[in-house]
Structures are given as C-alpha cells and as structure tokens.
N, C-alpha and C. Protein backbone atom coordinates (compact mmCIF):
# COMPACT_ATOMS: atom_id res chain seq x y z
N MET A 1 7.71 4.34 20.23
CA MET A 1 7.19 3.94 18.93
C MET A 1 7.51 2.46 18.69
N ILE A 2 6.56 1.77 18.12
CA ILE A 2 6.76 0.36 17.77
C ILE A 2 6.69 0.23 16.26
N ARG A 3 7.63 -0.50 15.71
CA ARG A 3 7.60 -0.84 14.29
C ARG A 3 7.35 -2.33 14.18
N VAL A 4 6.50 -2.71 13.24
CA VAL A 4 6.12 -4.11 13.08
C VAL A 4 6.41 -4.53 11.64
N ALA A 5 6.91 -5.75 11.48
CA ALA A 5 7.15 -6.32 10.16
C ALA A 5 6.79 -7.80 10.23
N GLY A 6 6.49 -8.39 9.09
CA GLY A 6 6.13 -9.81 9.06
C GLY A 6 6.56 -10.47 7.78
N GLY A 7 6.69 -11.76 7.84
CA GLY A 7 7.02 -12.55 6.66
C GLY A 7 6.67 -14.00 6.92
N THR A 8 6.53 -14.75 5.86
CA THR A 8 6.20 -16.17 5.99
C THR A 8 6.79 -16.94 4.81
N HIS A 9 7.00 -18.21 5.01
CA HIS A 9 7.58 -19.09 3.99
C HIS A 9 6.99 -20.48 4.21
N GLN A 10 6.68 -21.19 3.14
CA GLN A 10 6.06 -22.50 3.29
C GLN A 10 7.00 -23.53 3.90
N GLY A 11 8.29 -23.28 3.88
CA GLY A 11 9.24 -24.24 4.43
C GLY A 11 9.59 -25.32 3.43
N TYR A 12 10.26 -26.36 3.90
CA TYR A 12 10.77 -27.39 3.01
C TYR A 12 10.15 -28.76 3.25
N VAL A 13 9.11 -28.81 4.10
CA VAL A 13 8.52 -30.10 4.45
C VAL A 13 7.18 -30.31 3.76
N ARG A 14 6.32 -29.29 3.75
CA ARG A 14 4.97 -29.42 3.21
C ARG A 14 4.82 -28.63 1.92
N PRO A 15 3.88 -29.05 1.06
CA PRO A 15 3.72 -28.37 -0.22
C PRO A 15 2.97 -27.03 -0.13
N ASN A 16 2.32 -26.75 1.01
CA ASN A 16 1.60 -25.48 1.12
C ASN A 16 1.98 -24.78 2.42
N ASN A 17 1.69 -23.49 2.46
CA ASN A 17 2.00 -22.67 3.62
C ASN A 17 0.77 -22.60 4.52
N GLU A 18 0.90 -23.04 5.75
CA GLU A 18 -0.23 -23.04 6.68
C GLU A 18 -0.16 -21.89 7.68
N ASP A 19 0.75 -20.94 7.47
CA ASP A 19 0.87 -19.78 8.35
C ASP A 19 0.05 -18.62 7.80
N ALA A 20 -0.49 -17.82 8.71
CA ALA A 20 -1.18 -16.58 8.34
C ALA A 20 -0.86 -15.55 9.43
N PHE A 21 -0.80 -14.28 9.05
CA PHE A 21 -0.55 -13.27 10.07
C PHE A 21 -1.24 -11.96 9.70
N TYR A 22 -1.37 -11.12 10.73
CA TYR A 22 -1.97 -9.79 10.59
C TYR A 22 -1.31 -8.89 11.62
N PHE A 23 -1.06 -7.65 11.24
CA PHE A 23 -0.62 -6.69 12.24
C PHE A 23 -1.09 -5.30 11.87
N ASP A 24 -1.27 -4.49 12.90
CA ASP A 24 -1.64 -3.09 12.77
C ASP A 24 -0.92 -2.36 13.90
N ASP A 25 0.23 -1.78 13.57
CA ASP A 25 1.04 -1.16 14.62
C ASP A 25 0.40 0.08 15.21
N THR A 26 -0.50 0.74 14.48
CA THR A 26 -1.17 1.92 15.04
C THR A 26 -2.22 1.53 16.08
N ARG A 27 -2.75 0.32 15.98
CA ARG A 27 -3.77 -0.14 16.94
C ARG A 27 -3.22 -1.12 17.97
N GLY A 28 -1.94 -1.44 17.87
CA GLY A 28 -1.32 -2.31 18.86
C GLY A 28 -1.74 -3.75 18.75
N ILE A 29 -1.71 -4.29 17.52
CA ILE A 29 -2.15 -5.67 17.28
C ILE A 29 -1.14 -6.39 16.39
N ALA A 30 -0.73 -7.57 16.79
CA ALA A 30 0.05 -8.47 15.93
C ALA A 30 -0.43 -9.89 16.21
N ILE A 31 -0.76 -10.63 15.14
CA ILE A 31 -1.32 -11.98 15.28
C ILE A 31 -0.62 -12.91 14.30
N LEU A 32 -0.31 -14.11 14.76
CA LEU A 32 0.22 -15.15 13.88
C LEU A 32 -0.52 -16.45 14.19
N ALA A 33 -0.90 -17.17 13.15
CA ALA A 33 -1.56 -18.46 13.31
C ALA A 33 -0.90 -19.48 12.39
N ASP A 34 -0.89 -20.71 12.82
CA ASP A 34 -0.29 -21.80 12.05
C ASP A 34 -1.27 -22.97 12.04
N GLY A 35 -1.75 -23.34 10.85
CA GLY A 35 -2.65 -24.48 10.74
C GLY A 35 -1.95 -25.74 11.21
N MET A 36 -2.72 -26.64 11.79
CA MET A 36 -2.14 -27.87 12.31
C MET A 36 -1.63 -28.71 11.16
N GLY A 37 -0.31 -28.91 11.15
CA GLY A 37 0.34 -29.62 10.06
C GLY A 37 -0.19 -31.02 9.87
N GLY A 38 -0.48 -31.33 8.63
CA GLY A 38 -0.96 -32.65 8.30
C GLY A 38 -2.46 -32.83 8.51
N GLN A 39 -3.12 -31.88 9.15
CA GLN A 39 -4.56 -31.98 9.34
C GLN A 39 -5.27 -31.39 8.13
N ASN A 40 -6.53 -31.76 7.98
CA ASN A 40 -7.33 -31.25 6.89
C ASN A 40 -7.42 -29.73 6.98
N CYS A 41 -7.22 -29.05 5.85
CA CYS A 41 -7.47 -27.62 5.74
C CYS A 41 -6.68 -26.78 6.73
N GLY A 42 -5.44 -27.13 7.01
CA GLY A 42 -4.63 -26.35 7.94
C GLY A 42 -4.50 -24.90 7.53
N GLU A 43 -4.30 -24.67 6.23
CA GLU A 43 -4.17 -23.28 5.74
C GLU A 43 -5.49 -22.53 5.84
N VAL A 44 -6.61 -23.25 5.75
CA VAL A 44 -7.93 -22.62 5.90
C VAL A 44 -8.15 -22.21 7.35
N SER A 45 -7.82 -23.09 8.28
CA SER A 45 -8.04 -22.78 9.69
C SER A 45 -7.19 -21.61 10.16
N SER A 46 -5.95 -21.51 9.70
CA SER A 46 -5.11 -20.38 10.13
C SER A 46 -5.63 -19.06 9.56
N GLU A 47 -6.10 -19.08 8.32
CA GLU A 47 -6.69 -17.86 7.74
C GLU A 47 -7.94 -17.43 8.49
N ILE A 48 -8.81 -18.39 8.79
CA ILE A 48 -10.03 -18.07 9.56
C ILE A 48 -9.66 -17.54 10.93
N THR A 49 -8.69 -18.16 11.58
CA THR A 49 -8.26 -17.74 12.91
C THR A 49 -7.79 -16.30 12.91
N VAL A 50 -6.92 -15.95 11.99
CA VAL A 50 -6.39 -14.59 11.93
C VAL A 50 -7.49 -13.60 11.56
N ARG A 51 -8.30 -13.94 10.60
CA ARG A 51 -9.38 -13.02 10.17
C ARG A 51 -10.37 -12.77 11.31
N ALA A 52 -10.80 -13.84 11.99
CA ALA A 52 -11.78 -13.69 13.08
C ALA A 52 -11.20 -12.91 14.25
N ALA A 53 -9.97 -13.23 14.64
CA ALA A 53 -9.35 -12.54 15.78
C ALA A 53 -9.11 -11.07 15.47
N SER A 54 -8.60 -10.77 14.27
CA SER A 54 -8.33 -9.37 13.94
C SER A 54 -9.61 -8.56 13.80
N THR A 55 -10.64 -9.15 13.22
CA THR A 55 -11.93 -8.46 13.10
C THR A 55 -12.47 -8.10 14.48
N TYR A 56 -12.38 -9.04 15.41
CA TYR A 56 -12.82 -8.77 16.79
C TYR A 56 -12.00 -7.64 17.40
N LEU A 57 -10.69 -7.68 17.23
CA LEU A 57 -9.81 -6.70 17.88
C LEU A 57 -9.91 -5.31 17.26
N LEU A 58 -10.40 -5.22 16.03
CA LEU A 58 -10.55 -3.92 15.39
C LEU A 58 -11.83 -3.21 15.83
N GLN A 59 -12.69 -3.90 16.54
CA GLN A 59 -13.89 -3.26 17.08
C GLN A 59 -13.52 -2.44 18.31
N PRO A 60 -14.36 -1.46 18.68
CA PRO A 60 -14.06 -0.66 19.88
C PRO A 60 -13.86 -1.55 21.10
N ALA A 61 -12.91 -1.17 21.96
CA ALA A 61 -12.55 -1.98 23.13
C ALA A 61 -13.61 -1.94 24.21
N ASN A 62 -14.44 -0.92 24.25
CA ASN A 62 -15.52 -0.80 25.24
C ASN A 62 -15.04 -1.04 26.67
N GLY A 63 -13.87 -0.50 26.99
CA GLY A 63 -13.36 -0.59 28.35
C GLY A 63 -12.73 -1.91 28.73
N LEU A 64 -12.66 -2.86 27.82
CA LEU A 64 -12.05 -4.16 28.13
C LEU A 64 -10.54 -4.01 28.25
N SER A 65 -9.95 -4.78 29.14
CA SER A 65 -8.49 -4.81 29.27
C SER A 65 -7.89 -5.54 28.07
N LEU A 66 -6.59 -5.40 27.91
CA LEU A 66 -5.91 -6.13 26.83
C LEU A 66 -6.09 -7.64 27.00
N GLU A 67 -6.03 -8.12 28.23
CA GLU A 67 -6.20 -9.55 28.48
C GLU A 67 -7.60 -10.01 28.09
N GLU A 68 -8.62 -9.23 28.46
CA GLU A 68 -9.99 -9.57 28.10
C GLU A 68 -10.19 -9.56 26.60
N ARG A 69 -9.59 -8.59 25.93
CA ARG A 69 -9.69 -8.53 24.47
C ARG A 69 -9.01 -9.74 23.82
N ALA A 70 -7.86 -10.13 24.34
CA ALA A 70 -7.16 -11.31 23.80
C ALA A 70 -8.01 -12.56 23.96
N HIS A 71 -8.56 -12.76 25.16
CA HIS A 71 -9.44 -13.92 25.37
C HIS A 71 -10.65 -13.88 24.43
N GLY A 72 -11.26 -12.72 24.28
CA GLY A 72 -12.42 -12.58 23.40
C GLY A 72 -12.07 -12.90 21.96
N ALA A 73 -10.95 -12.40 21.48
CA ALA A 73 -10.53 -12.66 20.10
C ALA A 73 -10.31 -14.15 19.85
N ILE A 74 -9.72 -14.83 20.82
CA ILE A 74 -9.45 -16.26 20.66
C ILE A 74 -10.74 -17.06 20.73
N ARG A 75 -11.66 -16.68 21.60
CA ARG A 75 -12.96 -17.37 21.65
C ARG A 75 -13.70 -17.23 20.32
N VAL A 76 -13.70 -16.03 19.75
CA VAL A 76 -14.38 -15.81 18.47
C VAL A 76 -13.71 -16.63 17.37
N ALA A 77 -12.40 -16.64 17.35
CA ALA A 77 -11.68 -17.43 16.34
C ALA A 77 -12.01 -18.91 16.48
N ASN A 78 -12.06 -19.41 17.70
CA ASN A 78 -12.39 -20.81 17.94
C ASN A 78 -13.78 -21.14 17.40
N ARG A 79 -14.73 -20.27 17.72
CA ARG A 79 -16.11 -20.48 17.25
C ARG A 79 -16.17 -20.48 15.71
N GLU A 80 -15.43 -19.57 15.08
CA GLU A 80 -15.44 -19.48 13.61
C GLU A 80 -14.82 -20.72 12.95
N VAL A 81 -13.72 -21.20 13.50
CA VAL A 81 -13.08 -22.39 12.93
C VAL A 81 -13.99 -23.61 13.10
N LEU A 82 -14.57 -23.76 14.28
CA LEU A 82 -15.51 -24.88 14.50
C LEU A 82 -16.69 -24.80 13.54
N GLY A 83 -17.24 -23.61 13.36
CA GLY A 83 -18.37 -23.42 12.45
C GLY A 83 -18.02 -23.74 11.02
N ALA A 84 -16.85 -23.31 10.58
CA ALA A 84 -16.43 -23.59 9.20
C ALA A 84 -16.23 -25.08 8.97
N ALA A 85 -15.70 -25.77 9.97
CA ALA A 85 -15.50 -27.22 9.84
C ALA A 85 -16.83 -27.96 9.73
N ARG A 86 -17.85 -27.47 10.41
CA ARG A 86 -19.17 -28.11 10.32
C ARG A 86 -19.79 -27.92 8.94
N LEU A 87 -19.48 -26.81 8.29
CA LEU A 87 -20.06 -26.52 6.97
C LEU A 87 -19.28 -27.15 5.83
N ARG A 88 -18.05 -27.55 6.08
CA ARG A 88 -17.19 -28.10 5.03
C ARG A 88 -16.68 -29.48 5.45
N PRO A 89 -17.34 -30.53 4.99
CA PRO A 89 -16.94 -31.89 5.42
C PRO A 89 -15.46 -32.19 5.17
N GLU A 90 -14.89 -31.62 4.13
CA GLU A 90 -13.48 -31.89 3.84
C GLU A 90 -12.55 -31.25 4.87
N CYS A 91 -13.08 -30.36 5.71
CA CYS A 91 -12.27 -29.66 6.72
C CYS A 91 -12.53 -30.12 8.15
N VAL A 92 -13.29 -31.19 8.31
CA VAL A 92 -13.55 -31.70 9.66
C VAL A 92 -12.21 -32.02 10.33
N GLY A 93 -12.05 -31.56 11.55
CA GLY A 93 -10.82 -31.80 12.30
C GLY A 93 -9.76 -30.74 12.13
N MET A 94 -10.07 -29.69 11.33
CA MET A 94 -9.04 -28.66 11.15
C MET A 94 -8.85 -27.86 12.43
N GLY A 95 -7.68 -27.32 12.59
CA GLY A 95 -7.37 -26.51 13.75
C GLY A 95 -6.15 -25.65 13.49
N SER A 96 -5.88 -24.76 14.42
CA SER A 96 -4.78 -23.82 14.25
C SER A 96 -4.21 -23.43 15.61
N THR A 97 -2.95 -23.09 15.61
CA THR A 97 -2.36 -22.42 16.76
C THR A 97 -2.56 -20.93 16.56
N ILE A 98 -2.35 -20.16 17.61
CA ILE A 98 -2.37 -18.70 17.51
C ILE A 98 -1.46 -18.13 18.58
N VAL A 99 -0.76 -17.07 18.24
CA VAL A 99 -0.03 -16.27 19.20
C VAL A 99 -0.25 -14.82 18.80
N MET A 100 -0.53 -13.97 19.80
CA MET A 100 -0.76 -12.56 19.50
C MET A 100 -0.09 -11.69 20.54
N ALA A 101 0.23 -10.48 20.10
CA ALA A 101 0.72 -9.43 20.98
C ALA A 101 -0.23 -8.25 20.86
N LEU A 102 -0.72 -7.77 21.99
CA LEU A 102 -1.54 -6.56 22.05
C LEU A 102 -0.82 -5.60 22.98
N TRP A 103 -0.77 -4.33 22.60
CA TRP A 103 0.00 -3.42 23.44
C TRP A 103 -0.63 -2.04 23.59
N ARG A 104 -0.41 -1.53 24.81
CA ARG A 104 -0.56 -0.13 25.18
C ARG A 104 0.70 0.14 25.99
N LEU A 105 1.67 0.73 25.33
CA LEU A 105 2.99 0.87 25.94
C LEU A 105 2.92 1.55 27.30
N PRO A 106 3.72 1.05 28.23
CA PRO A 106 4.78 0.05 28.07
C PRO A 106 4.32 -1.40 28.24
N GLU A 107 3.01 -1.63 28.31
CA GLU A 107 2.51 -2.99 28.55
C GLU A 107 2.23 -3.71 27.24
N VAL A 108 2.71 -4.95 27.17
CA VAL A 108 2.42 -5.84 26.05
C VAL A 108 1.83 -7.12 26.62
N VAL A 109 0.69 -7.53 26.07
CA VAL A 109 0.06 -8.78 26.47
C VAL A 109 0.27 -9.80 25.37
N ILE A 110 0.78 -10.95 25.74
CA ILE A 110 0.98 -12.07 24.83
C ILE A 110 -0.07 -13.12 25.16
N ALA A 111 -0.80 -13.59 24.15
CA ALA A 111 -1.77 -14.66 24.32
C ALA A 111 -1.46 -15.74 23.30
N ASN A 112 -1.52 -16.99 23.73
CA ASN A 112 -1.29 -18.06 22.76
C ASN A 112 -2.12 -19.29 23.06
N VAL A 113 -2.38 -20.04 21.99
CA VAL A 113 -3.00 -21.35 22.05
C VAL A 113 -2.16 -22.25 21.15
N GLY A 114 -1.76 -23.39 21.66
CA GLY A 114 -0.93 -24.30 20.87
C GLY A 114 0.55 -24.04 21.11
N ASP A 115 1.35 -24.20 20.04
CA ASP A 115 2.80 -24.08 20.21
C ASP A 115 3.44 -22.99 19.37
N SER A 116 2.66 -22.08 18.80
CA SER A 116 3.27 -20.90 18.21
C SER A 116 3.75 -20.03 19.35
N ARG A 117 4.89 -19.38 19.15
CA ARG A 117 5.59 -18.77 20.28
C ARG A 117 5.75 -17.26 20.17
N ALA A 118 6.01 -16.67 21.34
CA ALA A 118 6.43 -15.27 21.44
C ALA A 118 7.73 -15.25 22.24
N TYR A 119 8.69 -14.48 21.75
CA TYR A 119 9.96 -14.29 22.43
C TYR A 119 10.20 -12.81 22.65
N LEU A 120 10.95 -12.51 23.70
CA LEU A 120 11.43 -11.16 23.97
C LEU A 120 12.94 -11.16 23.85
N LEU A 121 13.47 -10.26 23.03
CA LEU A 121 14.91 -10.06 22.92
C LEU A 121 15.24 -8.75 23.64
N ARG A 122 15.97 -8.87 24.75
CA ARG A 122 16.33 -7.70 25.56
C ARG A 122 17.81 -7.77 25.89
N ARG A 123 18.54 -6.76 25.47
CA ARG A 123 19.98 -6.65 25.75
C ARG A 123 20.72 -7.95 25.40
N GLY A 124 20.41 -8.49 24.24
CA GLY A 124 21.11 -9.66 23.73
C GLY A 124 20.63 -11.00 24.27
N LEU A 125 19.64 -10.99 25.18
CA LEU A 125 19.13 -12.25 25.74
C LEU A 125 17.73 -12.52 25.21
N LEU A 126 17.51 -13.75 24.73
CA LEU A 126 16.22 -14.15 24.18
C LEU A 126 15.48 -14.98 25.23
N ARG A 127 14.23 -14.58 25.51
CA ARG A 127 13.43 -15.27 26.52
C ARG A 127 12.05 -15.58 25.95
N GLN A 128 11.60 -16.83 26.11
CA GLN A 128 10.27 -17.22 25.64
C GLN A 128 9.21 -16.66 26.57
N LEU A 129 8.20 -15.98 25.99
CA LEU A 129 7.11 -15.40 26.77
C LEU A 129 5.85 -16.26 26.74
N SER A 130 5.69 -17.07 25.73
CA SER A 130 4.50 -17.90 25.56
C SER A 130 4.73 -19.26 26.21
N TYR A 131 3.69 -20.06 26.22
CA TYR A 131 3.72 -21.40 26.81
C TYR A 131 3.28 -22.39 25.74
N ASP A 132 4.11 -23.38 25.46
CA ASP A 132 3.74 -24.42 24.49
C ASP A 132 2.71 -25.34 25.10
N GLN A 133 1.53 -25.38 24.50
CA GLN A 133 0.48 -26.29 24.96
C GLN A 133 0.64 -27.61 24.21
N ASN A 134 1.56 -28.43 24.70
CA ASN A 134 1.81 -29.73 24.09
C ASN A 134 2.00 -30.77 25.17
N PHE A 135 2.08 -32.01 24.73
CA PHE A 135 2.16 -33.14 25.65
C PHE A 135 3.36 -33.04 26.58
N ALA A 136 4.51 -32.63 26.05
CA ALA A 136 5.73 -32.55 26.86
C ALA A 136 5.56 -31.55 28.01
N ASN A 137 5.03 -30.38 27.72
CA ASN A 137 4.86 -29.39 28.79
C ASN A 137 3.82 -29.82 29.81
N GLU A 138 2.78 -30.51 29.35
CA GLU A 138 1.79 -31.02 30.31
C GLU A 138 2.44 -32.03 31.25
N MET A 139 3.29 -32.89 30.72
CA MET A 139 3.99 -33.88 31.55
C MET A 139 4.98 -33.20 32.49
N ARG A 140 5.63 -32.14 32.02
CA ARG A 140 6.56 -31.40 32.87
C ARG A 140 5.81 -30.79 34.06
N GLU A 141 4.66 -30.17 33.78
CA GLU A 141 3.89 -29.52 34.85
C GLU A 141 3.25 -30.53 35.79
N ARG A 142 2.66 -31.58 35.25
CA ARG A 142 1.91 -32.52 36.09
C ARG A 142 2.79 -33.53 36.82
N MET A 143 3.87 -33.95 36.15
CA MET A 143 4.67 -35.03 36.72
C MET A 143 6.08 -34.60 37.07
N GLY A 144 6.45 -33.38 36.74
CA GLY A 144 7.79 -32.89 37.07
C GLY A 144 8.90 -33.58 36.31
N LEU A 145 8.61 -34.05 35.09
CA LEU A 145 9.64 -34.74 34.31
C LEU A 145 10.73 -33.78 33.87
N SER A 146 11.94 -34.28 33.79
CA SER A 146 13.09 -33.46 33.38
C SER A 146 13.12 -33.30 31.86
N ASP A 147 13.90 -32.32 31.42
CA ASP A 147 14.06 -32.11 29.97
C ASP A 147 14.65 -33.34 29.30
N GLU A 148 15.54 -34.05 30.00
CA GLU A 148 16.14 -35.26 29.43
C GLU A 148 15.07 -36.32 29.15
N HIS A 149 14.16 -36.51 30.08
CA HIS A 149 13.06 -37.46 29.88
C HIS A 149 12.16 -37.00 28.74
N LEU A 150 11.88 -35.72 28.70
CA LEU A 150 10.96 -35.21 27.69
C LEU A 150 11.53 -35.32 26.28
N GLN A 151 12.85 -35.20 26.13
CA GLN A 151 13.47 -35.26 24.81
C GLN A 151 13.29 -36.62 24.14
N ILE A 152 13.17 -37.67 24.93
CA ILE A 152 13.03 -39.01 24.36
C ILE A 152 11.58 -39.50 24.37
N MET A 153 10.68 -38.67 24.89
CA MET A 153 9.27 -39.07 25.00
C MET A 153 8.60 -39.06 23.63
N PRO A 154 7.96 -40.18 23.25
CA PRO A 154 7.22 -40.16 21.98
C PRO A 154 6.03 -39.20 22.08
N LYS A 155 5.70 -38.60 20.98
CA LYS A 155 4.54 -37.69 20.87
C LYS A 155 4.67 -36.45 21.75
N ARG A 156 5.89 -36.07 22.10
CA ARG A 156 6.08 -34.92 22.99
C ARG A 156 5.60 -33.61 22.38
N HIS A 157 5.54 -33.54 21.05
CA HIS A 157 5.13 -32.30 20.38
C HIS A 157 3.64 -32.26 20.04
N VAL A 158 2.89 -33.30 20.41
CA VAL A 158 1.46 -33.34 20.12
C VAL A 158 0.77 -32.22 20.91
N LEU A 159 -0.04 -31.42 20.22
CA LEU A 159 -0.73 -30.31 20.87
C LEU A 159 -1.82 -30.80 21.81
N THR A 160 -1.95 -30.14 22.95
CA THR A 160 -3.01 -30.44 23.89
C THR A 160 -4.13 -29.41 23.80
N MET A 161 -3.92 -28.34 23.03
CA MET A 161 -4.94 -27.31 22.83
C MET A 161 -4.69 -26.66 21.47
N ALA A 162 -5.76 -26.37 20.75
CA ALA A 162 -5.67 -25.67 19.47
C ALA A 162 -6.99 -24.98 19.19
N VAL A 163 -6.94 -23.92 18.42
CA VAL A 163 -8.15 -23.23 17.98
C VAL A 163 -8.90 -24.16 17.03
N GLY A 164 -10.17 -24.40 17.33
CA GLY A 164 -11.00 -25.25 16.49
C GLY A 164 -10.99 -26.72 16.87
N ALA A 165 -10.21 -27.08 17.87
CA ALA A 165 -10.13 -28.49 18.26
C ALA A 165 -11.15 -28.87 19.32
N PHE A 166 -11.59 -27.90 20.12
CA PHE A 166 -12.52 -28.15 21.21
C PHE A 166 -13.56 -27.04 21.26
N GLU A 167 -14.70 -27.32 21.88
CA GLU A 167 -15.73 -26.29 22.03
C GLU A 167 -15.24 -25.13 22.88
N GLN A 168 -14.47 -25.43 23.91
CA GLN A 168 -13.89 -24.39 24.76
C GLN A 168 -12.38 -24.40 24.56
N VAL A 169 -11.82 -23.21 24.39
CA VAL A 169 -10.38 -23.11 24.17
C VAL A 169 -9.75 -22.37 25.35
N LEU A 170 -8.61 -22.86 25.80
CA LEU A 170 -7.89 -22.26 26.90
C LEU A 170 -6.66 -21.54 26.35
N ALA A 171 -6.66 -20.22 26.47
CA ALA A 171 -5.51 -19.41 26.03
C ALA A 171 -4.59 -19.17 27.21
N ARG A 172 -3.30 -19.13 26.94
CA ARG A 172 -2.31 -18.76 27.95
C ARG A 172 -1.98 -17.29 27.75
N ILE A 173 -1.91 -16.54 28.84
CA ILE A 173 -1.70 -15.09 28.79
C ILE A 173 -0.44 -14.74 29.59
N HIS A 174 0.36 -13.84 29.03
CA HIS A 174 1.54 -13.33 29.71
C HIS A 174 1.59 -11.82 29.48
N THR A 175 1.83 -11.05 30.53
CA THR A 175 1.95 -9.60 30.42
C THR A 175 3.39 -9.20 30.70
N GLU A 176 3.91 -8.33 29.87
CA GLU A 176 5.30 -7.88 29.97
C GLU A 176 5.36 -6.37 29.85
N ARG A 177 6.20 -5.75 30.67
CA ARG A 177 6.48 -4.31 30.52
C ARG A 177 7.73 -4.21 29.66
N VAL A 178 7.58 -3.60 28.50
CA VAL A 178 8.71 -3.51 27.58
C VAL A 178 9.54 -2.26 27.87
N GLU A 179 10.78 -2.31 27.42
CA GLU A 179 11.73 -1.22 27.59
C GLU A 179 12.21 -0.78 26.22
N PRO A 180 12.72 0.45 26.10
CA PRO A 180 13.28 0.89 24.82
C PRO A 180 14.35 -0.09 24.33
N GLY A 181 14.28 -0.42 23.06
CA GLY A 181 15.23 -1.36 22.47
C GLY A 181 14.78 -2.81 22.48
N ASP A 182 13.71 -3.13 23.22
CA ASP A 182 13.20 -4.50 23.24
C ASP A 182 12.67 -4.88 21.86
N ARG A 183 12.75 -6.17 21.56
CA ARG A 183 12.15 -6.72 20.35
C ARG A 183 11.32 -7.92 20.73
N ILE A 184 10.15 -8.04 20.11
CA ILE A 184 9.29 -9.19 20.35
C ILE A 184 9.12 -9.92 19.03
N LEU A 185 9.29 -11.22 19.08
CA LEU A 185 9.16 -12.07 17.90
C LEU A 185 8.00 -13.02 18.12
N LEU A 186 7.06 -13.05 17.18
CA LEU A 186 6.00 -14.05 17.13
C LEU A 186 6.38 -15.03 16.03
N CYS A 187 6.32 -16.33 16.30
CA CYS A 187 6.72 -17.29 15.27
C CYS A 187 5.97 -18.60 15.44
N SER A 188 5.87 -19.33 14.33
CA SER A 188 5.29 -20.67 14.37
C SER A 188 6.39 -21.68 14.69
N ASP A 189 6.00 -22.93 14.88
CA ASP A 189 7.00 -23.95 15.20
C ASP A 189 7.94 -24.23 14.04
N GLY A 190 7.59 -23.76 12.85
CA GLY A 190 8.52 -23.91 11.73
C GLY A 190 9.80 -23.12 11.93
N LEU A 191 9.72 -22.04 12.67
CA LEU A 191 10.92 -21.24 12.98
C LEU A 191 11.56 -21.69 14.28
N SER A 192 10.75 -21.96 15.29
CA SER A 192 11.31 -22.33 16.59
C SER A 192 11.86 -23.75 16.60
N GLY A 193 11.42 -24.57 15.66
CA GLY A 193 11.92 -25.93 15.55
C GLY A 193 11.37 -26.87 16.59
N ARG A 194 10.24 -26.53 17.23
CA ARG A 194 9.67 -27.38 18.27
C ARG A 194 8.44 -28.07 17.74
C-alpha cells in the first residue's frame, strides 16, 4: 500500500507561490511542478503543467508502459503551456519544471524536466532519483568538471530544459523497484536548495 501526502508554501523570497501538485494514490500518480522563478506567469505555467499532465494520465493507459505514459503526459503539458503563452501576451516566456512518480508496485517510474527533484529514502539513506537539467550538470556530463569547479561557476543553476520553453521537451526517466518502508519525496528547488 502507498500513502501519498502533499503540501506547498510560497517561501520567503517571492510574493507568490509558483508550485502546483496533484496526486491520486489509487491510480499511482504524483506530480509536482514549479513555475520558473522570476519569469512571466510562473504560477500559471505550473498550474497548466499539472492540470495537463494529470488529465492525460487519468485517461485509459491503452497498454502503454509507465515510461510511455510519463513521456506522453509531459509532451501534452509542454504543448499546453506553449499554447497558453501564445494566447496571453503577458505570459510569453513562461515555463515550468515537472517531476512525477507513476507506479505499479513494486515498480516506480520517475520522470522530470528541469530541476524539481525526486528522492528515495531507504533504510536511512537519501538518494536522488531525478536528474537536474541545468547548466552545471550539462558541464559535468560534457566536460567532466568537478563539483568544486561547478560550485563557483556563474549561472550553474540556469535550466537547460523546461516545460513550455521549447517546442520539443526532453524528459529524464528513472525506474526504481521499491521495497517495503521506502519513501519517495518529490520537491521543487525551494526545498532542495539547488
């Protein structure tokens, strides 16, 4: 059995809350989105992202794997955010991160775009399951830079991928077999501090 809970707080930096989430533990869905801070309509883009992805995932699976469903939900969310930005000039440039967990026990699929994260807590050890799509990680992968170099790099937290930022969105997928007692945390960068 899986129990799901959620909460959000605007934090102490910005005047509005740009996080949105949805979960349905009976259908094996948990989604969190975070509007791009400082961008136009960040709270609008995260709401659209969660609504579009959850609406897609609530439709019959039609034999699709969890990974295929995750990719489909993110593609639909991307299309919806791009479409909304075209209709609302004040929202041009809006975007959102997304992280989701889809499960058919014991398998859990984590999909993310941007830097919202998923963690697994198992026997007292916390392990990141998602991949931060930001400048620092791109430099780590492409150039093999050390953590010490990345810590002093300007713009290291700039996103390289976000929902609504590009016509095509690249989601990162991770599959995990969970064990009794495991806990999975989905969070925005406001909690992870990255």
